[in-house]
Amino acid sequence: RERIARNFGQPNPEGFRKALRIMKLAEKYGHPVVTFIDTPGAFPGLGAEERGQAEAIAFNLKEISKLKVPIVNIVIGEGGSGGALGIGVGDELLMLENSFYSVISPEGCAAILWKDQSAVSKAAENLRFLADDLVEFGVADKIIKEPPGGAHIDWLKTFSNVDKELEKALKKIEKMSVEERLEKRYQKYRKIGVFGENDEPK
């Protein structure tokens, strides 16, 4: 019932615009911004597209990247596609150890690339969307330990760990000047998606 009321965690464009308004309010009063990410993705319905879903996400990426206050993003479950990106720009990205952050679900990837639902495991392996992979790629900055059995077993312990890592991240970011912070944030995103070229003839 709650999942239905919350649209299964899939934001509409109005949700992204509201999030940005709140973030700008935090900037106005000098408060850091902390986002908790747990979404399968932005809502893909026709109405959402007609009301500017892609524009809302793109505008958030641009505007959040320029906020002068410290920003920490924490993936606590699913970090799905544009739904996560629309509130996921920041100075530090922390992830619970069993969370994931990906451009697409393994099911969606298997359907698009192989047109075969039996390729879901292959898709998941190739996406490399787990916390360990994302730290290796420089997308995520820190993995937050979960209690044995997972975060849902002991939420109090989990969020005690989140609290400690969040405090450390904020202290580190707050030591920087605004100029340093914005430059470091810019460079962080410039480094993501490094690619190489081969010498094969075209």
N, C-alpha and C. Protein backbone atom coordinates (compact mmCIF):
# COMPACT_ATOMS: atom_id res chain seq x y z
N ARG A 1 0.82 -1.20 0.00
CA ARG A 1 0.00 0.00 0.00
C ARG A 1 0.87 1.27 0.00
N GLU A 2 1.88 1.27 0.87
CA GLU A 2 2.78 2.43 0.93
C GLU A 2 3.56 2.59 -0.37
N ARG A 3 3.99 1.45 -0.94
CA ARG A 3 4.74 1.50 -2.20
C ARG A 3 3.88 2.09 -3.32
N ILE A 4 2.61 1.72 -3.35
CA ILE A 4 1.70 2.27 -4.37
C ILE A 4 1.55 3.78 -4.16
N ALA A 5 1.36 4.19 -2.91
CA ALA A 5 1.20 5.62 -2.59
C ALA A 5 2.44 6.42 -2.98
N ARG A 6 3.59 5.78 -2.93
CA ARG A 6 4.86 6.46 -3.25
C ARG A 6 5.34 6.15 -4.66
N ASN A 7 4.43 5.64 -5.49
CA ASN A 7 4.74 5.37 -6.89
C ASN A 7 5.94 4.43 -7.05
N PHE A 8 6.08 3.49 -6.11
CA PHE A 8 7.16 2.51 -6.11
C PHE A 8 8.55 3.17 -6.13
N GLY A 9 8.62 4.35 -5.53
CA GLY A 9 9.91 5.04 -5.43
C GLY A 9 10.38 5.67 -6.72
N GLN A 10 9.48 5.84 -7.69
CA GLN A 10 9.86 6.42 -8.98
C GLN A 10 9.39 7.87 -9.06
N PRO A 11 10.33 8.82 -9.01
CA PRO A 11 9.92 10.22 -9.00
C PRO A 11 9.38 10.71 -10.35
N ASN A 12 8.44 11.62 -10.27
CA ASN A 12 7.95 12.36 -11.43
C ASN A 12 8.78 13.64 -11.56
N PRO A 13 8.64 14.37 -12.68
CA PRO A 13 9.42 15.61 -12.84
C PRO A 13 9.20 16.60 -11.71
N GLU A 14 7.97 16.64 -11.19
CA GLU A 14 7.68 17.57 -10.09
C GLU A 14 8.51 17.24 -8.85
N GLY A 15 8.79 15.96 -8.65
CA GLY A 15 9.61 15.54 -7.52
C GLY A 15 11.04 16.05 -7.64
N PHE A 16 11.59 15.98 -8.85
CA PHE A 16 12.95 16.50 -9.06
C PHE A 16 13.00 18.01 -8.87
N ARG A 17 11.96 18.69 -9.36
CA ARG A 17 11.93 20.15 -9.21
C ARG A 17 11.78 20.55 -7.74
N LYS A 18 10.99 19.80 -7.00
CA LYS A 18 10.82 20.08 -5.57
C LYS A 18 12.14 19.85 -4.84
N ALA A 19 12.84 18.75 -5.16
CA ALA A 19 14.13 18.46 -4.53
C ALA A 19 15.12 19.59 -4.77
N LEU A 20 15.14 20.11 -6.00
CA LEU A 20 16.07 21.20 -6.32
C LEU A 20 15.71 22.46 -5.54
N ARG A 21 14.42 22.77 -5.41
CA ARG A 21 14.01 23.95 -4.62
C ARG A 21 14.51 23.84 -3.18
N ILE A 22 14.38 22.65 -2.59
CA ILE A 22 14.82 22.44 -1.20
C ILE A 22 16.34 22.57 -1.10
N MET A 23 17.05 22.03 -2.09
CA MET A 23 18.52 22.13 -2.08
C MET A 23 18.97 23.58 -2.19
N LYS A 24 18.29 24.35 -3.02
CA LYS A 24 18.65 25.77 -3.15
C LYS A 24 18.33 26.54 -1.87
N LEU A 25 17.30 26.12 -1.18
CA LEU A 25 16.97 26.72 0.12
C LEU A 25 18.08 26.40 1.13
N ALA A 26 18.56 25.17 1.11
CA ALA A 26 19.68 24.77 1.99
C ALA A 26 20.91 25.62 1.68
N GLU A 27 21.17 25.83 0.39
CA GLU A 27 22.32 26.66 0.00
C GLU A 27 22.15 28.09 0.52
N LYS A 28 20.96 28.63 0.39
CA LYS A 28 20.68 30.00 0.83
C LYS A 28 21.02 30.20 2.30
N TYR A 29 20.71 29.19 3.12
CA TYR A 29 20.95 29.30 4.56
C TYR A 29 22.25 28.62 5.02
N GLY A 30 23.05 28.17 4.06
CA GLY A 30 24.36 27.62 4.38
C GLY A 30 24.36 26.23 4.99
N HIS A 31 23.31 25.45 4.72
CA HIS A 31 23.24 24.09 5.25
C HIS A 31 23.74 23.08 4.21
N PRO A 32 24.43 22.02 4.65
CA PRO A 32 24.83 20.99 3.69
C PRO A 32 23.61 20.24 3.16
N VAL A 33 23.78 19.62 2.01
CA VAL A 33 22.71 18.82 1.40
C VAL A 33 23.09 17.35 1.52
N VAL A 34 22.17 16.55 2.03
CA VAL A 34 22.37 15.09 2.12
C VAL A 34 21.19 14.42 1.44
N THR A 35 21.47 13.56 0.46
CA THR A 35 20.38 12.83 -0.19
C THR A 35 20.52 11.33 0.10
N PHE A 36 19.38 10.69 0.34
CA PHE A 36 19.33 9.24 0.51
C PHE A 36 18.66 8.66 -0.73
N ILE A 37 19.38 7.82 -1.44
CA ILE A 37 18.91 7.34 -2.74
C ILE A 37 18.46 5.88 -2.64
N ASP A 38 17.21 5.65 -3.03
CA ASP A 38 16.67 4.29 -3.11
C ASP A 38 15.51 4.33 -4.10
N THR A 39 15.81 4.16 -5.37
CA THR A 39 14.80 4.25 -6.41
C THR A 39 15.15 3.32 -7.57
N PRO A 40 14.14 2.67 -8.16
CA PRO A 40 14.43 1.87 -9.36
C PRO A 40 14.66 2.75 -10.59
N GLY A 41 14.32 4.03 -10.49
CA GLY A 41 14.50 4.95 -11.61
C GLY A 41 13.40 5.99 -11.65
N ALA A 42 13.57 6.96 -12.51
CA ALA A 42 12.53 7.98 -12.71
C ALA A 42 11.30 7.32 -13.33
N PHE A 43 10.12 7.85 -13.00
CA PHE A 43 8.88 7.26 -13.53
C PHE A 43 8.85 7.38 -15.05
N PRO A 44 8.67 6.25 -15.78
CA PRO A 44 8.76 6.28 -17.24
C PRO A 44 7.42 6.48 -17.96
N GLY A 45 6.41 6.95 -17.27
CA GLY A 45 5.08 7.09 -17.89
C GLY A 45 5.01 8.23 -18.90
N LEU A 46 4.04 8.14 -19.79
CA LEU A 46 3.84 9.14 -20.83
C LEU A 46 3.63 10.53 -20.24
N GLY A 47 2.80 10.61 -19.19
CA GLY A 47 2.54 11.90 -18.56
C GLY A 47 3.80 12.55 -18.02
N ALA A 48 4.65 11.73 -17.40
CA ALA A 48 5.92 12.25 -16.85
C ALA A 48 6.80 12.79 -17.98
N GLU A 49 6.84 12.07 -19.09
CA GLU A 49 7.64 12.52 -20.24
C GLU A 49 7.07 13.82 -20.81
N GLU A 50 5.75 13.90 -20.89
CA GLU A 50 5.12 15.12 -21.42
C GLU A 50 5.37 16.32 -20.52
N ARG A 51 5.51 16.09 -19.22
CA ARG A 51 5.75 17.18 -18.27
C ARG A 51 7.25 17.48 -18.09
N GLY A 52 8.09 16.84 -18.90
CA GLY A 52 9.51 17.21 -18.92
C GLY A 52 10.41 16.41 -18.01
N GLN A 53 10.21 15.09 -17.96
CA GLN A 53 11.04 14.24 -17.08
C GLN A 53 12.53 14.38 -17.39
N ALA A 54 12.90 14.25 -18.66
CA ALA A 54 14.32 14.31 -19.04
C ALA A 54 14.89 15.70 -18.74
N GLU A 55 14.11 16.73 -19.03
CA GLU A 55 14.58 18.10 -18.77
C GLU A 55 14.78 18.33 -17.28
N ALA A 56 13.86 17.82 -16.46
CA ALA A 56 13.96 18.01 -15.01
C ALA A 56 15.23 17.36 -14.46
N ILE A 57 15.54 16.15 -14.94
CA ILE A 57 16.76 15.46 -14.49
C ILE A 57 18.00 16.22 -14.96
N ALA A 58 18.02 16.59 -16.24
CA ALA A 58 19.19 17.31 -16.79
C ALA A 58 19.40 18.65 -16.08
N PHE A 59 18.31 19.36 -15.82
CA PHE A 59 18.42 20.66 -15.15
C PHE A 59 18.96 20.48 -13.73
N ASN A 60 18.49 19.44 -13.04
CA ASN A 60 19.01 19.15 -11.69
C ASN A 60 20.51 18.87 -11.72
N LEU A 61 20.95 18.07 -12.68
CA LEU A 61 22.39 17.76 -12.79
C LEU A 61 23.20 19.05 -12.88
N LYS A 62 22.74 19.95 -13.74
CA LYS A 62 23.46 21.21 -13.94
C LYS A 62 23.42 22.09 -12.69
N GLU A 63 22.25 22.25 -12.12
CA GLU A 63 22.09 23.18 -10.99
C GLU A 63 22.71 22.64 -9.70
N ILE A 64 22.53 21.35 -9.42
CA ILE A 64 23.09 20.79 -8.18
C ILE A 64 24.60 20.85 -8.22
N SER A 65 25.18 20.62 -9.40
CA SER A 65 26.65 20.64 -9.51
C SER A 65 27.24 22.00 -9.15
N LYS A 66 26.42 23.06 -9.21
CA LYS A 66 26.92 24.42 -8.91
C LYS A 66 26.62 24.88 -7.49
N LEU A 67 25.91 24.08 -6.70
CA LEU A 67 25.60 24.49 -5.32
C LEU A 67 26.89 24.67 -4.52
N LYS A 68 26.95 25.72 -3.73
CA LYS A 68 28.20 26.05 -3.02
C LYS A 68 28.36 25.33 -1.69
N VAL A 69 27.30 24.70 -1.22
CA VAL A 69 27.37 24.00 0.08
C VAL A 69 27.84 22.56 -0.12
N PRO A 70 28.35 21.91 0.94
CA PRO A 70 28.74 20.50 0.83
C PRO A 70 27.53 19.62 0.47
N ILE A 71 27.77 18.63 -0.39
CA ILE A 71 26.70 17.70 -0.78
C ILE A 71 27.21 16.27 -0.62
N VAL A 72 26.47 15.46 0.13
CA VAL A 72 26.79 14.04 0.28
C VAL A 72 25.58 13.23 -0.18
N ASN A 73 25.82 12.28 -1.08
CA ASN A 73 24.77 11.38 -1.56
C ASN A 73 25.02 10.00 -0.98
N ILE A 74 23.95 9.34 -0.51
CA ILE A 74 24.08 8.01 0.09
C ILE A 74 23.09 7.06 -0.58
N VAL A 75 23.62 6.02 -1.23
CA VAL A 75 22.76 5.01 -1.84
C VAL A 75 22.46 3.96 -0.78
N ILE A 76 21.18 3.83 -0.42
CA ILE A 76 20.81 2.91 0.66
C ILE A 76 20.08 1.66 0.14
N GLY A 77 19.89 1.57 -1.16
CA GLY A 77 19.21 0.42 -1.76
C GLY A 77 19.50 0.40 -3.24
N GLU A 78 18.47 0.70 -4.04
CA GLU A 78 18.64 0.79 -5.48
C GLU A 78 19.06 2.21 -5.86
N GLY A 79 20.03 2.31 -6.73
CA GLY A 79 20.38 3.60 -7.33
C GLY A 79 20.12 3.48 -8.81
N GLY A 80 18.88 3.64 -9.21
CA GLY A 80 18.48 3.33 -10.57
C GLY A 80 18.44 4.52 -11.50
N SER A 81 19.33 4.53 -12.47
CA SER A 81 19.27 5.39 -13.65
C SER A 81 19.03 6.86 -13.32
N GLY A 82 18.21 7.53 -14.15
CA GLY A 82 17.97 8.96 -13.97
C GLY A 82 17.30 9.30 -12.66
N GLY A 83 16.56 8.37 -12.10
CA GLY A 83 15.92 8.61 -10.80
C GLY A 83 16.94 8.89 -9.73
N ALA A 84 18.05 8.18 -9.78
CA ALA A 84 19.14 8.39 -8.81
C ALA A 84 19.98 9.60 -9.21
N LEU A 85 20.26 9.74 -10.50
CA LEU A 85 21.10 10.85 -10.96
C LEU A 85 20.49 12.20 -10.65
N GLY A 86 19.16 12.30 -10.74
CA GLY A 86 18.48 13.57 -10.54
C GLY A 86 18.65 14.17 -9.16
N ILE A 87 19.05 13.34 -8.18
CA ILE A 87 19.36 13.87 -6.84
C ILE A 87 20.73 13.36 -6.36
N GLY A 88 21.52 12.83 -7.31
CA GLY A 88 22.75 12.15 -6.92
C GLY A 88 24.06 12.83 -7.26
N VAL A 89 24.02 14.11 -7.59
CA VAL A 89 25.27 14.84 -7.85
C VAL A 89 25.78 15.37 -6.52
N GLY A 90 27.07 15.22 -6.25
CA GLY A 90 27.59 15.72 -4.98
C GLY A 90 29.09 15.62 -4.86
N ASP A 91 29.57 15.96 -3.68
CA ASP A 91 31.01 15.91 -3.41
C ASP A 91 31.47 14.50 -3.06
N GLU A 92 30.61 13.76 -2.35
CA GLU A 92 30.94 12.38 -1.95
C GLU A 92 29.72 11.51 -2.19
N LEU A 93 29.98 10.31 -2.73
CA LEU A 93 28.92 9.32 -2.89
C LEU A 93 29.26 8.13 -2.00
N LEU A 94 28.41 7.89 -0.99
CA LEU A 94 28.58 6.76 -0.09
C LEU A 94 27.56 5.69 -0.47
N MET A 95 27.92 4.42 -0.31
CA MET A 95 27.00 3.33 -0.65
C MET A 95 26.98 2.28 0.45
N LEU A 96 25.79 1.84 0.84
CA LEU A 96 25.72 0.66 1.69
C LEU A 96 26.32 -0.50 0.90
N GLU A 97 26.97 -1.43 1.61
CA GLU A 97 27.76 -2.44 0.90
C GLU A 97 26.94 -3.35 0.00
N ASN A 98 25.64 -3.51 0.24
CA ASN A 98 24.82 -4.35 -0.62
C ASN A 98 23.91 -3.54 -1.55
N SER A 99 24.16 -2.26 -1.66
CA SER A 99 23.36 -1.42 -2.56
C SER A 99 23.98 -1.47 -3.96
N PHE A 100 23.26 -0.91 -4.92
CA PHE A 100 23.83 -0.81 -6.27
C PHE A 100 23.41 0.50 -6.93
N TYR A 101 24.17 0.87 -7.94
CA TYR A 101 23.98 2.15 -8.62
C TYR A 101 24.24 1.89 -10.09
N SER A 102 23.23 2.04 -10.93
CA SER A 102 23.38 1.61 -12.32
C SER A 102 22.55 2.45 -13.28
N VAL A 103 23.01 2.48 -14.52
CA VAL A 103 22.30 3.21 -15.56
C VAL A 103 21.01 2.49 -15.98
N ILE A 104 20.95 1.18 -15.73
CA ILE A 104 19.79 0.39 -16.13
C ILE A 104 19.74 -0.88 -15.28
N SER A 105 18.56 -1.45 -15.14
CA SER A 105 18.44 -2.72 -14.40
C SER A 105 19.00 -3.85 -15.26
N PRO A 106 19.45 -4.94 -14.63
CA PRO A 106 19.93 -6.09 -15.42
C PRO A 106 18.85 -6.62 -16.37
N GLU A 107 17.59 -6.59 -15.92
CA GLU A 107 16.49 -7.07 -16.77
C GLU A 107 16.34 -6.19 -18.02
N GLY A 108 16.40 -4.87 -17.81
CA GLY A 108 16.30 -3.94 -18.94
C GLY A 108 17.48 -4.08 -19.89
N CYS A 109 18.67 -4.24 -19.32
CA CYS A 109 19.88 -4.40 -20.12
C CYS A 109 19.80 -5.67 -20.97
N ALA A 110 19.38 -6.78 -20.35
CA ALA A 110 19.26 -8.06 -21.08
C ALA A 110 18.26 -7.94 -22.23
N ALA A 111 17.16 -7.24 -21.97
CA ALA A 111 16.12 -7.08 -22.99
C ALA A 111 16.62 -6.25 -24.17
N ILE A 112 17.40 -5.19 -23.88
CA ILE A 112 17.86 -4.29 -24.94
C ILE A 112 19.04 -4.89 -25.72
N LEU A 113 20.05 -5.39 -24.99
CA LEU A 113 21.26 -5.86 -25.66
C LEU A 113 21.13 -7.25 -26.28
N TRP A 114 20.47 -8.17 -25.55
CA TRP A 114 20.42 -9.55 -26.03
C TRP A 114 19.01 -10.01 -26.39
N LYS A 115 18.02 -9.16 -26.11
CA LYS A 115 16.61 -9.53 -26.36
C LYS A 115 16.31 -10.93 -25.79
N ASP A 116 16.83 -11.14 -24.58
CA ASP A 116 16.75 -12.47 -23.98
C ASP A 116 16.76 -12.34 -22.46
N GLN A 117 15.64 -12.67 -21.81
CA GLN A 117 15.56 -12.54 -20.35
C GLN A 117 16.46 -13.53 -19.62
N SER A 118 16.90 -14.58 -20.31
CA SER A 118 17.81 -15.52 -19.65
C SER A 118 19.22 -14.94 -19.53
N ALA A 119 19.45 -13.78 -20.15
CA ALA A 119 20.78 -13.13 -20.10
C ALA A 119 20.89 -12.15 -18.93
N VAL A 120 19.97 -12.19 -17.98
CA VAL A 120 19.97 -11.25 -16.85
C VAL A 120 21.26 -11.35 -16.04
N SER A 121 21.71 -12.57 -15.76
CA SER A 121 22.95 -12.75 -14.98
C SER A 121 24.15 -12.19 -15.73
N LYS A 122 24.19 -12.44 -17.03
CA LYS A 122 25.27 -11.92 -17.88
C LYS A 122 25.25 -10.39 -17.86
N ALA A 123 24.06 -9.81 -17.94
CA ALA A 123 23.92 -8.35 -17.91
C ALA A 123 24.41 -7.79 -16.58
N ALA A 124 24.00 -8.42 -15.48
CA ALA A 124 24.41 -7.95 -14.14
C ALA A 124 25.92 -7.99 -13.99
N GLU A 125 26.53 -9.06 -14.49
CA GLU A 125 27.98 -9.20 -14.40
C GLU A 125 28.69 -8.10 -15.20
N ASN A 126 28.17 -7.80 -16.38
CA ASN A 126 28.79 -6.79 -17.25
C ASN A 126 28.53 -5.36 -16.80
N LEU A 127 27.40 -5.12 -16.15
CA LEU A 127 27.09 -3.77 -15.68
C LEU A 127 28.04 -3.31 -14.58
N ARG A 128 28.49 -4.24 -13.74
CA ARG A 128 29.40 -3.94 -12.63
C ARG A 128 28.89 -2.75 -11.82
N PHE A 129 27.72 -2.94 -11.24
CA PHE A 129 27.03 -1.84 -10.55
C PHE A 129 27.09 -1.93 -9.03
N LEU A 130 27.86 -2.88 -8.50
CA LEU A 130 27.92 -3.04 -7.04
C LEU A 130 28.89 -2.04 -6.42
N ALA A 131 28.78 -1.85 -5.13
CA ALA A 131 29.57 -0.83 -4.42
C ALA A 131 31.07 -1.00 -4.65
N ASP A 132 31.58 -2.24 -4.57
CA ASP A 132 33.02 -2.47 -4.78
C ASP A 132 33.47 -2.00 -6.16
N ASP A 133 32.67 -2.34 -7.18
CA ASP A 133 33.01 -1.93 -8.55
C ASP A 133 33.03 -0.42 -8.67
N LEU A 134 32.04 0.23 -8.08
CA LEU A 134 31.90 1.68 -8.25
C LEU A 134 32.98 2.46 -7.51
N VAL A 135 33.47 1.92 -6.40
CA VAL A 135 34.63 2.54 -5.73
C VAL A 135 35.85 2.39 -6.63
N GLU A 136 36.02 1.21 -7.22
CA GLU A 136 37.14 0.97 -8.13
C GLU A 136 37.12 1.94 -9.31
N PHE A 137 35.92 2.22 -9.85
CA PHE A 137 35.80 3.13 -10.99
C PHE A 137 35.88 4.60 -10.61
N GLY A 138 35.85 4.91 -9.31
CA GLY A 138 35.87 6.30 -8.88
C GLY A 138 34.51 6.96 -8.88
N VAL A 139 33.46 6.18 -9.07
CA VAL A 139 32.09 6.73 -9.03
C VAL A 139 31.66 6.92 -7.58
N ALA A 140 31.86 5.89 -6.77
CA ALA A 140 31.55 5.96 -5.33
C ALA A 140 32.84 6.21 -4.55
N ASP A 141 32.69 6.85 -3.39
CA ASP A 141 33.87 7.21 -2.59
C ASP A 141 34.07 6.31 -1.39
N LYS A 142 33.00 5.75 -0.85
CA LYS A 142 33.12 4.98 0.39
C LYS A 142 32.00 3.96 0.48
N ILE A 143 32.35 2.77 0.99
CA ILE A 143 31.35 1.73 1.23
C ILE A 143 31.04 1.71 2.72
N ILE A 144 29.76 1.74 3.05
CA ILE A 144 29.32 1.71 4.45
C ILE A 144 28.96 0.27 4.81
N LYS A 145 29.58 -0.24 5.84
CA LYS A 145 29.35 -1.63 6.27
C LYS A 145 27.91 -1.83 6.75
N GLU A 146 27.37 -3.00 6.43
CA GLU A 146 26.05 -3.39 6.91
C GLU A 146 26.21 -4.50 7.95
N PRO A 147 25.24 -4.66 8.84
CA PRO A 147 25.29 -5.77 9.80
C PRO A 147 25.24 -7.10 9.06
N PRO A 148 25.71 -8.20 9.69
CA PRO A 148 25.61 -9.52 9.05
C PRO A 148 24.16 -9.80 8.64
N GLY A 149 23.98 -10.21 7.39
CA GLY A 149 22.63 -10.50 6.89
C GLY A 149 22.01 -9.35 6.13
N GLY A 150 22.61 -8.15 6.21
CA GLY A 150 22.10 -7.01 5.46
C GLY A 150 21.51 -5.91 6.32
N ALA A 151 21.34 -4.75 5.72
CA ALA A 151 20.87 -3.56 6.43
C ALA A 151 19.50 -3.76 7.06
N HIS A 152 18.63 -4.50 6.40
CA HIS A 152 17.25 -4.68 6.89
C HIS A 152 17.19 -5.49 8.18
N ILE A 153 18.25 -6.22 8.49
CA ILE A 153 18.27 -7.03 9.72
C ILE A 153 18.35 -6.13 10.95
N ASP A 154 19.11 -5.04 10.83
CA ASP A 154 19.30 -4.14 11.99
C ASP A 154 19.48 -2.71 11.49
N TRP A 155 18.35 -2.02 11.30
CA TRP A 155 18.39 -0.65 10.78
C TRP A 155 19.12 0.30 11.73
N LEU A 156 18.98 0.11 13.04
CA LEU A 156 19.64 1.01 13.99
C LEU A 156 21.15 0.94 13.84
N LYS A 157 21.69 -0.27 13.73
CA LYS A 157 23.13 -0.45 13.54
C LYS A 157 23.56 0.11 12.19
N THR A 158 22.76 -0.17 11.17
CA THR A 158 23.07 0.33 9.82
C THR A 158 23.19 1.85 9.83
N PHE A 159 22.19 2.52 10.41
CA PHE A 159 22.22 3.98 10.35
C PHE A 159 23.15 4.60 11.37
N SER A 160 23.58 3.83 12.34
CA SER A 160 24.69 4.27 13.19
C SER A 160 25.96 4.33 12.34
N ASN A 161 26.16 3.31 11.49
CA ASN A 161 27.30 3.30 10.57
C ASN A 161 27.20 4.44 9.55
N VAL A 162 25.99 4.65 9.03
CA VAL A 162 25.76 5.74 8.07
C VAL A 162 26.10 7.08 8.72
N ASP A 163 25.64 7.28 9.95
CA ASP A 163 25.87 8.52 10.68
C ASP A 163 27.37 8.81 10.82
N LYS A 164 28.14 7.79 11.17
CA LYS A 164 29.60 7.97 11.35
C LYS A 164 30.27 8.37 10.04
N GLU A 165 29.93 7.65 8.96
CA GLU A 165 30.56 7.94 7.66
C GLU A 165 30.11 9.28 7.10
N LEU A 166 28.85 9.62 7.33
CA LEU A 166 28.34 10.92 6.88
C LEU A 166 29.06 12.05 7.60
N GLU A 167 29.25 11.91 8.90
CA GLU A 167 29.95 12.94 9.67
C GLU A 167 31.38 13.12 9.17
N LYS A 168 32.07 12.01 8.90
CA LYS A 168 33.44 12.07 8.38
C LYS A 168 33.48 12.79 7.03
N ALA A 169 32.54 12.41 6.15
CA ALA A 169 32.50 13.01 4.81
C ALA A 169 32.24 14.51 4.88
N LEU A 170 31.28 14.92 5.71
CA LEU A 170 30.95 16.34 5.82
C LEU A 170 32.12 17.14 6.39
N LYS A 171 32.80 16.58 7.40
CA LYS A 171 33.95 17.29 7.98
C LYS A 171 35.03 17.52 6.93
N LYS A 172 35.27 16.50 6.11
CA LYS A 172 36.29 16.60 5.06
C LYS A 172 35.90 17.67 4.03
N ILE A 173 34.65 17.66 3.61
CA ILE A 173 34.20 18.61 2.58
C ILE A 173 34.16 20.04 3.12
N GLU A 174 33.75 20.19 4.38
CA GLU A 174 33.62 21.53 4.97
C GLU A 174 34.96 22.22 5.16
N LYS A 175 36.05 21.45 5.16
CA LYS A 175 37.39 22.06 5.29
C LYS A 175 37.81 22.80 4.03
N MET A 176 37.18 22.49 2.91
CA MET A 176 37.55 23.12 1.64
C MET A 176 36.88 24.48 1.48
N SER A 177 37.55 25.35 0.74
CA SER A 177 36.90 26.61 0.37
C SER A 177 35.84 26.29 -0.68
N VAL A 178 34.93 27.22 -0.92
CA VAL A 178 33.88 27.01 -1.92
C VAL A 178 34.51 26.74 -3.29
N GLU A 179 35.55 27.51 -3.63
CA GLU A 179 36.21 27.35 -4.93
C GLU A 179 36.82 25.96 -5.07
N GLU A 180 37.52 25.52 -4.02
CA GLU A 180 38.12 24.17 -4.03
C GLU A 180 37.05 23.10 -4.18
N ARG A 181 35.98 23.28 -3.43
CA ARG A 181 34.89 22.29 -3.42
C ARG A 181 34.28 22.14 -4.81
N LEU A 182 33.98 23.27 -5.44
CA LEU A 182 33.36 23.23 -6.77
C LEU A 182 34.30 22.64 -7.81
N GLU A 183 35.59 22.98 -7.71
CA GLU A 183 36.58 22.45 -8.66
C GLU A 183 36.74 20.94 -8.47
N LYS A 184 36.81 20.50 -7.22
CA LYS A 184 36.96 19.06 -6.94
C LYS A 184 35.73 18.29 -7.43
N ARG A 185 34.55 18.86 -7.21
CA ARG A 185 33.31 18.24 -7.68
C ARG A 185 33.31 18.12 -9.21
N TYR A 186 33.73 19.20 -9.86
CA TYR A 186 33.79 19.21 -11.33
C TYR A 186 34.75 18.13 -11.84
N GLN A 187 35.95 18.09 -11.24
CA GLN A 187 36.95 17.12 -11.68
C GLN A 187 36.50 15.69 -11.41
N LYS A 188 35.78 15.47 -10.32
CA LYS A 188 35.27 14.12 -10.00
C LYS A 188 34.42 13.59 -11.15
N TYR A 189 33.53 14.43 -11.65
CA TYR A 189 32.63 13.98 -12.72
C TYR A 189 33.32 13.95 -14.08
N ARG A 190 34.34 14.77 -14.26
CA ARG A 190 35.10 14.73 -15.52
C ARG A 190 35.85 13.41 -15.67
N LYS A 191 36.25 12.82 -14.54
CA LYS A 191 37.05 11.58 -14.58
C LYS A 191 36.20 10.34 -14.83
N ILE A 192 34.91 10.43 -14.60
CA ILE A 192 34.04 9.25 -14.76
C ILE A 192 33.86 8.96 -16.25
N GLY A 193 33.99 7.69 -16.61
CA GLY A 193 33.78 7.30 -18.01
C GLY A 193 35.00 7.48 -18.87
N VAL A 194 36.19 7.29 -18.30
CA VAL A 194 37.42 7.36 -19.09
C VAL A 194 37.39 6.25 -20.13
N PHE A 195 37.81 6.56 -21.34
CA PHE A 195 37.81 5.55 -22.39
C PHE A 195 39.13 5.60 -23.15
N GLY A 196 39.42 4.51 -23.84
CA GLY A 196 40.62 4.45 -24.67
C GLY A 196 40.22 4.25 -26.12
N GLU A 197 41.15 4.53 -27.02
CA GLU A 197 40.89 4.32 -28.45
C GLU A 197 41.92 3.35 -28.99
N ASN A 198 41.50 2.52 -29.94
CA ASN A 198 42.48 1.62 -30.57
C ASN A 198 42.90 2.20 -31.91
N ASP A 199 43.88 1.57 -32.53
CA ASP A 199 44.44 2.09 -33.79
C ASP A 199 43.85 1.41 -35.02
N GLU A 200 42.74 0.72 -34.83
CA GLU A 200 42.15 0.04 -35.98
C GLU A 200 41.63 1.05 -37.00
N PRO A 201 41.77 0.74 -38.29
CA PRO A 201 41.23 1.65 -39.31
C PRO A 201 39.72 1.73 -39.22
N LYS A 202 39.16 2.89 -39.55
CA LYS A 202 37.72 3.08 -39.45
C LYS A 202 37.03 2.66 -40.74
